Each structure stands twice: as C-alpha cells, then as structure tokens.
Amino acid sequence: MAKETKVIHVHLIFKKTSRFFGSISAIYSEFTAEEIGITEETLRHKGLSDGVSFATKKSDHTTRSAYSKRTKIAF
C-alpha cells in the first residue's frame, strides 16, 4: 500500500524560484513572511488541504499529495 505525504509547493513570483516543502514550518525555516507575503499564522488558518491553491502578491502556493511505494528490504 502506498504512503501518502502532503507536499506544499511555493513559487516566489519575483525571484522566479520554486521550492517544495513537507510542512508549513519548513517554509518559514527557508523564507521569511516578508519574502512570501503571508505570515505563518495566516497560512495555517488557510487550511491547506489537498488541491488547495492560492496566491499572494509575492508567491503562489499549492498543496498536493505525493505517494511513495513501500519496499521490502531483503536480508
């Protein structure tokens, strides 16, 4: 059975940079609220569920699910 993980895509419009994160906290360890145009608290209140997209004046945000296959390790 596949394991599901939430992935948050952040695209900085003016820097033309895209990054992928596994949590909201990880976004703010890389960028400041000033750089992305939204505070961590406000982003948490947005309720980032799968498929949700929104934009600020400085960045675009999209949340998707990523799936990985569990593998068996042979000993």
PDB file of N, CA and C in Angstrom:
ATOM      1  N   MET A   1       0.843  -1.179   0.000  1.00  0.00           N
ATOM      2  CA  MET A   1       0.000   0.000   0.000  1.00  0.00           C
ATOM      3  C   MET A   1       0.886   1.241   0.000  1.00  0.00           C
ATOM      4  N   ALA A   2       0.490   2.253  -0.764  1.00  0.00           N
ATOM      5  CA  ALA A   2       1.280   3.470  -0.903  1.00  0.00           C
ATOM      6  C   ALA A   2       1.130   4.372   0.318  1.00  0.00           C
ATOM      7  N   LYS A   3       2.199   5.070   0.633  1.00  0.00           N
ATOM      8  CA  LYS A   3       2.195   6.022   1.731  1.00  0.00           C
ATOM      9  C   LYS A   3       1.933   7.415   1.153  1.00  0.00           C
ATOM     10  N   GLU A   4       0.992   8.152   1.765  1.00  0.00           N
ATOM     11  CA  GLU A   4       0.635   9.481   1.281  1.00  0.00           C
ATOM     12  C   GLU A   4       1.307  10.543   2.144  1.00  0.00           C
ATOM     13  N   THR A   5       1.878  11.558   1.489  1.00  0.00           N
ATOM     14  CA  THR A   5       2.523  12.673   2.161  1.00  0.00           C
ATOM     15  C   THR A   5       2.038  13.975   1.546  1.00  0.00           C
ATOM     16  N   LYS A   6       1.743  14.965   2.391  1.00  0.00           N
ATOM     17  CA  LYS A   6       1.339  16.277   1.889  1.00  0.00           C
ATOM     18  C   LYS A   6       2.586  17.055   1.469  1.00  0.00           C
ATOM     19  N   VAL A   7       2.548  17.648   0.276  1.00  0.00           N
ATOM     20  CA  VAL A   7       3.648  18.450  -0.246  1.00  0.00           C
ATOM     21  C   VAL A   7       3.106  19.838  -0.574  1.00  0.00           C
ATOM     22  N   ILE A   8       3.797  20.865  -0.085  1.00  0.00           N
ATOM     23  CA  ILE A   8       3.392  22.252  -0.346  1.00  0.00           C
ATOM     24  C   ILE A   8       4.385  22.858  -1.318  1.00  0.00           C
ATOM     25  N   HIS A   9       3.882  23.300  -2.469  1.00  0.00           N
ATOM     26  CA  HIS A   9       4.712  23.945  -3.486  1.00  0.00           C
ATOM     27  C   HIS A   9       4.602  25.452  -3.299  1.00  0.00           C
ATOM     28  N   VAL A  10       5.748  26.121  -3.149  1.00  0.00           N
ATOM     29  CA  VAL A  10       5.789  27.574  -3.008  1.00  0.00           C
ATOM     30  C   VAL A  10       6.582  28.126  -4.181  1.00  0.00           C
ATOM     31  N   HIS A  11       5.959  29.016  -4.937  1.00  0.00           N
ATOM     32  CA  HIS A  11       6.626  29.678  -6.067  1.00  0.00           C
ATOM     33  C   HIS A  11       6.748  31.159  -5.749  1.00  0.00           C
ATOM     34  N   LEU A  12       7.990  31.657  -5.650  1.00  0.00           N
ATOM     35  CA  LEU A  12       8.218  33.079  -5.413  1.00  0.00           C
ATOM     36  C   LEU A  12       8.201  33.791  -6.761  1.00  0.00           C
ATOM     37  N   ILE A  13       7.206  34.637  -6.965  1.00  0.00           N
ATOM     38  CA  ILE A  13       6.953  35.259  -8.257  1.00  0.00           C
ATOM     39  C   ILE A  13       8.125  36.110  -8.732  1.00  0.00           C
ATOM     40  N   PHE A  14       8.616  37.013  -7.906  1.00  0.00           N
ATOM     41  CA  PHE A  14       9.648  37.951  -8.333  1.00  0.00           C
ATOM     42  C   PHE A  14      11.040  37.327  -8.390  1.00  0.00           C
ATOM     43  N   LYS A  15      11.276  36.302  -7.584  1.00  0.00           N
ATOM     44  CA  LYS A  15      12.575  35.619  -7.615  1.00  0.00           C
ATOM     45  C   LYS A  15      12.584  34.494  -8.643  1.00  0.00           C
ATOM     46  N   LYS A  16      11.401  34.155  -9.180  1.00  0.00           N
ATOM     47  CA  LYS A  16      11.248  33.059 -10.138  1.00  0.00           C
ATOM     48  C   LYS A  16      11.871  31.773  -9.597  1.00  0.00           C
ATOM     49  N   THR A  17      11.523  31.471  -8.340  1.00  0.00           N
ATOM     50  CA  THR A  17      12.041  30.307  -7.633  1.00  0.00           C
ATOM     51  C   THR A  17      10.893  29.451  -7.130  1.00  0.00           C
ATOM     52  N   SER A  18      11.037  28.144  -7.256  1.00  0.00           N
ATOM     53  CA  SER A  18      10.052  27.214  -6.716  1.00  0.00           C
ATOM     54  C   SER A  18      10.730  26.274  -5.739  1.00  0.00           C
ATOM     55  N   ARG A  19      10.025  25.975  -4.644  1.00  0.00           N
ATOM     56  CA  ARG A  19      10.513  25.031  -3.645  1.00  0.00           C
ATOM     57  C   ARG A  19       9.337  24.157  -3.196  1.00  0.00           C
ATOM     58  N   PHE A  20       9.652  22.952  -2.762  1.00  0.00           N
ATOM     59  CA  PHE A  20       8.654  22.015  -2.269  1.00  0.00           C
ATOM     60  C   PHE A  20       8.947  21.714  -0.808  1.00  0.00           C
ATOM     61  N   PHE A  21       7.904  21.723   0.032  1.00  0.00           N
ATOM     62  CA  PHE A  21       8.065  21.543   1.466  1.00  0.00           C
ATOM     63  C   PHE A  21       7.102  20.485   1.996  1.00  0.00           C
ATOM     64  N   GLY A  22       7.498  19.850   3.089  1.00  0.00           N
ATOM     65  CA  GLY A  22       6.664  18.844   3.728  1.00  0.00           C
ATOM     66  C   GLY A  22       5.821  19.392   4.859  1.00  0.00           C
ATOM     67  N   SER A  23       6.048  20.656   5.243  1.00  0.00           N
ATOM     68  CA  SER A  23       5.266  21.262   6.320  1.00  0.00           C
ATOM     69  C   SER A  23       5.305  22.784   6.191  1.00  0.00           C
ATOM     70  N   ILE A  24       4.362  23.427   6.843  1.00  0.00           N
ATOM     71  CA  ILE A  24       4.333  24.885   6.855  1.00  0.00           C
ATOM     72  C   ILE A  24       5.544  25.428   7.601  1.00  0.00           C
ATOM     73  N   SER A  25       5.927  24.784   8.690  1.00  0.00           N
ATOM     74  CA  SER A  25       7.103  25.213   9.456  1.00  0.00           C
ATOM     75  C   SER A  25       8.363  25.203   8.603  1.00  0.00           C
ATOM     76  N   ALA A  26       8.491  24.226   7.730  1.00  0.00           N
ATOM     77  CA  ALA A  26       9.665  24.125   6.866  1.00  0.00           C
ATOM     78  C   ALA A  26       9.759  25.318   5.909  1.00  0.00           C
ATOM     79  N   ILE A  27       8.621  25.830   5.471  1.00  0.00           N
ATOM     80  CA  ILE A  27       8.614  27.007   4.594  1.00  0.00           C
ATOM     81  C   ILE A  27       9.280  28.179   5.293  1.00  0.00           C
ATOM     82  N   TYR A  28       8.930  28.377   6.559  1.00  0.00           N
ATOM     83  CA  TYR A  28       9.435  29.528   7.296  1.00  0.00           C
ATOM     84  C   TYR A  28      10.846  29.321   7.847  1.00  0.00           C
ATOM     85  N   SER A  29      11.394  28.127   7.728  1.00  0.00           N
ATOM     86  CA  SER A  29      12.806  27.934   8.042  1.00  0.00           C
ATOM     87  C   SER A  29      13.666  28.332   6.838  1.00  0.00           C
ATOM     88  N   GLU A  30      13.055  28.391   5.664  1.00  0.00           N
ATOM     89  CA  GLU A  30      13.747  28.760   4.420  1.00  0.00           C
ATOM     90  C   GLU A  30      13.498  30.213   4.026  1.00  0.00           C
ATOM     91  N   PHE A  31      12.273  30.686   4.214  1.00  0.00           N
ATOM     92  CA  PHE A  31      11.888  32.041   3.804  1.00  0.00           C
ATOM     93  C   PHE A  31      11.258  32.799   4.962  1.00  0.00           C
ATOM     94  N   THR A  32      11.290  34.119   4.873  1.00  0.00           N
ATOM     95  CA  THR A  32      10.614  34.956   5.869  1.00  0.00           C
ATOM     96  C   THR A  32       9.198  35.255   5.383  1.00  0.00           C
ATOM     97  N   ALA A  33       8.348  35.703   6.299  1.00  0.00           N
ATOM     98  CA  ALA A  33       6.980  36.092   5.935  1.00  0.00           C
ATOM     99  C   ALA A  33       7.016  37.245   4.933  1.00  0.00           C
ATOM    100  N   GLU A  34       7.989  38.119   5.067  1.00  0.00           N
ATOM    101  CA  GLU A  34       8.155  39.245   4.134  1.00  0.00           C
ATOM    102  C   GLU A  34       8.435  38.752   2.711  1.00  0.00           C
ATOM    103  N   GLU A  35       9.256  37.719   2.590  1.00  0.00           N
ATOM    104  CA  GLU A  35       9.614  37.197   1.267  1.00  0.00           C
ATOM    105  C   GLU A  35       8.438  36.547   0.550  1.00  0.00           C
ATOM    106  N   ILE A  36       7.579  35.848   1.293  1.00  0.00           N
ATOM    107  CA  ILE A  36       6.476  35.142   0.635  1.00  0.00           C
ATOM    108  C   ILE A  36       5.143  35.865   0.718  1.00  0.00           C
ATOM    109  N   GLY A  37       5.084  36.923   1.523  1.00  0.00           N
ATOM    110  CA  GLY A  37       3.891  37.757   1.531  1.00  0.00           C
ATOM    111  C   GLY A  37       2.749  37.280   2.407  1.00  0.00           C
ATOM    112  N   ILE A  38       3.033  36.377   3.347  1.00  0.00           N
ATOM    113  CA  ILE A  38       1.996  35.879   4.256  1.00  0.00           C
ATOM    114  C   ILE A  38       2.676  35.353   5.520  1.00  0.00           C
ATOM    115  N   THR A  39       2.062  35.580   6.671  1.00  0.00           N
ATOM    116  CA  THR A  39       2.654  35.094   7.920  1.00  0.00           C
ATOM    117  C   THR A  39       2.348  33.607   8.102  1.00  0.00           C
ATOM    118  N   GLU A  40       3.141  32.967   8.944  1.00  0.00           N
ATOM    119  CA  GLU A  40       2.929  31.545   9.215  1.00  0.00           C
ATOM    120  C   GLU A  40       1.554  31.306   9.829  1.00  0.00           C
ATOM    121  N   GLU A  41       1.143  32.159  10.736  1.00  0.00           N
ATOM    122  CA  GLU A  41      -0.157  32.009  11.387  1.00  0.00           C
ATOM    123  C   GLU A  41      -1.304  32.093  10.370  1.00  0.00           C
ATOM    124  N   THR A  42      -1.236  33.055   9.466  1.00  0.00           N
ATOM    125  CA  THR A  42      -2.275  33.199   8.439  1.00  0.00           C
ATOM    126  C   THR A  42      -2.287  32.003   7.505  1.00  0.00           C
ATOM    127  N   LEU A  43      -1.116  31.512   7.141  1.00  0.00           N
ATOM    128  CA  LEU A  43      -1.031  30.344   6.269  1.00  0.00           C
ATOM    129  C   LEU A  43      -1.659  29.118   6.938  1.00  0.00           C
ATOM    130  N   ARG A  44      -1.434  28.959   8.230  1.00  0.00           N
ATOM    131  CA  ARG A  44      -2.046  27.843   8.968  1.00  0.00           C
ATOM    132  C   ARG A  44      -3.575  27.960   8.983  1.00  0.00           C
ATOM    133  N   HIS A  45      -4.089  29.169   9.070  1.00  0.00           N
ATOM    134  CA  HIS A  45      -5.542  29.372   9.085  1.00  0.00           C
ATOM    135  C   HIS A  45      -6.184  29.175   7.714  1.00  0.00           C
ATOM    136  N   LYS A  46      -5.384  29.185   6.655  1.00  0.00           N
ATOM    137  CA  LYS A  46      -5.911  28.956   5.304  1.00  0.00           C
ATOM    138  C   LYS A  46      -6.453  27.541   5.151  1.00  0.00           C
ATOM    139  N   GLY A  47      -5.959  26.616   5.966  1.00  0.00           N
ATOM    140  CA  GLY A  47      -6.425  25.232   5.873  1.00  0.00           C
ATOM    141  C   GLY A  47      -5.966  24.565   4.597  1.00  0.00           C
ATOM    142  N   LEU A  48      -4.682  24.347   4.473  1.00  0.00           N
ATOM    143  CA  LEU A  48      -4.113  23.777   3.264  1.00  0.00           C
ATOM    144  C   LEU A  48      -4.446  22.296   3.122  1.00  0.00           C
ATOM    145  N   SER A  49      -5.531  22.012   2.469  1.00  0.00           N
ATOM    146  CA  SER A  49      -5.885  20.619   2.188  1.00  0.00           C
ATOM    147  C   SER A  49      -5.489  20.308   0.749  1.00  0.00           C
ATOM    148  N   ASP A  50      -5.542  19.051   0.369  1.00  0.00           N
ATOM    149  CA  ASP A  50      -5.096  18.612  -0.946  1.00  0.00           C
ATOM    150  C   ASP A  50      -5.821  19.358  -2.065  1.00  0.00           C
ATOM    151  N   GLY A  51      -5.050  19.896  -2.986  1.00  0.00           N
ATOM    152  CA  GLY A  51      -5.614  20.580  -4.140  1.00  0.00           C
ATOM    153  C   GLY A  51      -5.867  22.065  -3.946  1.00  0.00           C
ATOM    154  N   VAL A  52      -5.646  22.578  -2.742  1.00  0.00           N
ATOM    155  CA  VAL A  52      -5.882  23.994  -2.470  1.00  0.00           C
ATOM    156  C   VAL A  52      -4.753  24.821  -3.066  1.00  0.00           C
ATOM    157  N   SER A  53      -5.123  25.869  -3.795  1.00  0.00           N
ATOM    158  CA  SER A  53      -4.149  26.814  -4.355  1.00  0.00           C
ATOM    159  C   SER A  53      -4.577  28.216  -3.996  1.00  0.00           C
ATOM    160  N   PHE A  54      -3.606  29.081  -3.731  1.00  0.00           N
ATOM    161  CA  PHE A  54      -3.896  30.497  -3.532  1.00  0.00           C
ATOM    162  C   PHE A  54      -2.627  31.287  -3.797  1.00  0.00           C
ATOM    163  N   ALA A  55      -2.788  32.577  -3.983  1.00  0.00           N
ATOM    164  CA  ALA A  55      -1.648  33.437  -4.304  1.00  0.00           C
ATOM    165  C   ALA A  55      -1.656  34.680  -3.431  1.00  0.00           C
ATOM    166  N   THR A  56      -0.458  35.188  -3.167  1.00  0.00           N
ATOM    167  CA  THR A  56      -0.283  36.493  -2.546  1.00  0.00           C
ATOM    168  C   THR A  56       0.369  37.377  -3.610  1.00  0.00           C
ATOM    169  N   LYS A  57       0.694  38.602  -3.270  1.00  0.00           N
ATOM    170  CA  LYS A  57       1.363  39.483  -4.236  1.00  0.00           C
ATOM    171  C   LYS A  57       2.777  38.998  -4.553  1.00  0.00           C
ATOM    172  N   LYS A  58       3.337  38.169  -3.671  1.00  0.00           N
ATOM    173  CA  LYS A  58       4.718  37.744  -3.831  1.00  0.00           C
ATOM    174  C   LYS A  58       4.916  36.267  -4.140  1.00  0.00           C
ATOM    175  N   SER A  59       3.875  35.435  -3.925  1.00  0.00           N
ATOM    176  CA  SER A  59       4.065  33.997  -4.112  1.00  0.00           C
ATOM    177  C   SER A  59       2.759  33.269  -4.419  1.00  0.00           C
ATOM    178  N   ASP A  60       2.918  32.087  -5.018  1.00  0.00           N
ATOM    179  CA  ASP A  60       1.811  31.164  -5.269  1.00  0.00           C
ATOM    180  C   ASP A  60       2.042  29.928  -4.400  1.00  0.00           C
ATOM    181  N   HIS A  61       0.955  29.346  -3.881  1.00  0.00           N
ATOM    182  CA  HIS A  61       1.046  28.177  -3.014  1.00  0.00           C
ATOM    183  C   HIS A  61       0.062  27.123  -3.492  1.00  0.00           C
ATOM    184  N   THR A  62       0.520  25.887  -3.574  1.00  0.00           N
ATOM    185  CA  THR A  62      -0.331  24.771  -3.964  1.00  0.00           C
ATOM    186  C   THR A  62      -0.012  23.580  -3.068  1.00  0.00           C
ATOM    187  N   THR A  63      -1.032  22.873  -2.639  1.00  0.00           N
ATOM    188  CA  THR A  63      -0.835  21.681  -1.820  1.00  0.00           C
ATOM    189  C   THR A  63      -1.314  20.456  -2.596  1.00  0.00           C
ATOM    190  N   ARG A  64      -0.483  19.434  -2.625  1.00  0.00           N
ATOM    191  CA  ARG A  64      -0.809  18.178  -3.307  1.00  0.00           C
ATOM    192  C   ARG A  64      -0.371  17.007  -2.441  1.00  0.00           C
ATOM    193  N   SER A  65      -0.848  15.858  -2.798  1.00  0.00           N
ATOM    194  CA  SER A  65      -0.414  14.627  -2.135  1.00  0.00           C
ATOM    195  C   SER A  65       0.630  13.947  -2.998  1.00  0.00           C
ATOM    196  N   ALA A  66       1.663  13.436  -2.350  1.00  0.00           N
ATOM    197  CA  ALA A  66       2.680  12.644  -3.034  1.00  0.00           C
ATOM    198  C   ALA A  66       2.592  11.235  -2.458  1.00  0.00           C
ATOM    199  N   TYR A  67       2.766  10.252  -3.306  1.00  0.00           N
ATOM    200  CA  TYR A  67       2.654   8.861  -2.878  1.00  0.00           C
ATOM    201  C   TYR A  67       3.974   8.147  -3.105  1.00  0.00           C
ATOM    202  N   SER A  68       4.326   7.310  -2.160  1.00  0.00           N
ATOM    203  CA  SER A  68       5.531   6.509  -2.311  1.00  0.00           C
ATOM    204  C   SER A  68       5.197   5.053  -2.009  1.00  0.00           C
ATOM    205  N   LYS A  69       5.890   4.178  -2.678  1.00  0.00           N
ATOM    206  CA  LYS A  69       5.662   2.750  -2.509  1.00  0.00           C
ATOM    207  C   LYS A  69       6.570   2.228  -1.406  1.00  0.00           C
ATOM    208  N   ARG A  70       6.016   1.432  -0.532  1.00  0.00           N
ATOM    209  CA  ARG A  70       6.819   0.779   0.493  1.00  0.00           C
ATOM    210  C   ARG A  70       7.543  -0.400  -0.156  1.00  0.00           C
ATOM    211  N   THR A  71       8.797  -0.511   0.152  1.00  0.00           N
ATOM    212  CA  THR A  71       9.572  -1.601  -0.420  1.00  0.00           C
ATOM    213  C   THR A  71      10.034  -2.541   0.682  1.00  0.00           C
ATOM    214  N   LYS A  72      10.222  -3.792   0.299  1.00  0.00           N
ATOM    215  CA  LYS A  72      10.717  -4.790   1.234  1.00  0.00           C
ATOM    216  C   LYS A  72      12.238  -4.839   1.112  1.00  0.00           C
ATOM    217  N   ILE A  73      12.899  -4.881   2.256  1.00  0.00           N
ATOM    218  CA  ILE A  73      14.350  -4.986   2.267  1.00  0.00           C
ATOM    219  C   ILE A  73      14.716  -6.436   2.499  1.00  0.00           C
ATOM    220  N   ALA A  74      15.486  -6.997   1.579  1.00  0.00           N
ATOM    221  CA  ALA A  74      15.902  -8.390   1.684  1.00  0.00           C
ATOM    222  C   ALA A  74      17.187  -8.484   2.500  1.00  0.00           C
ATOM    223  N   PHE A  75      17.195  -9.412   3.447  1.00  0.00           N
ATOM    224  CA  PHE A  75      18.397  -9.637   4.260  1.00  0.00           C
ATOM    225  C   PHE A  75      18.961 -10.975   3.988  1.00  0.00           C
TER     226      PHE A  75
END
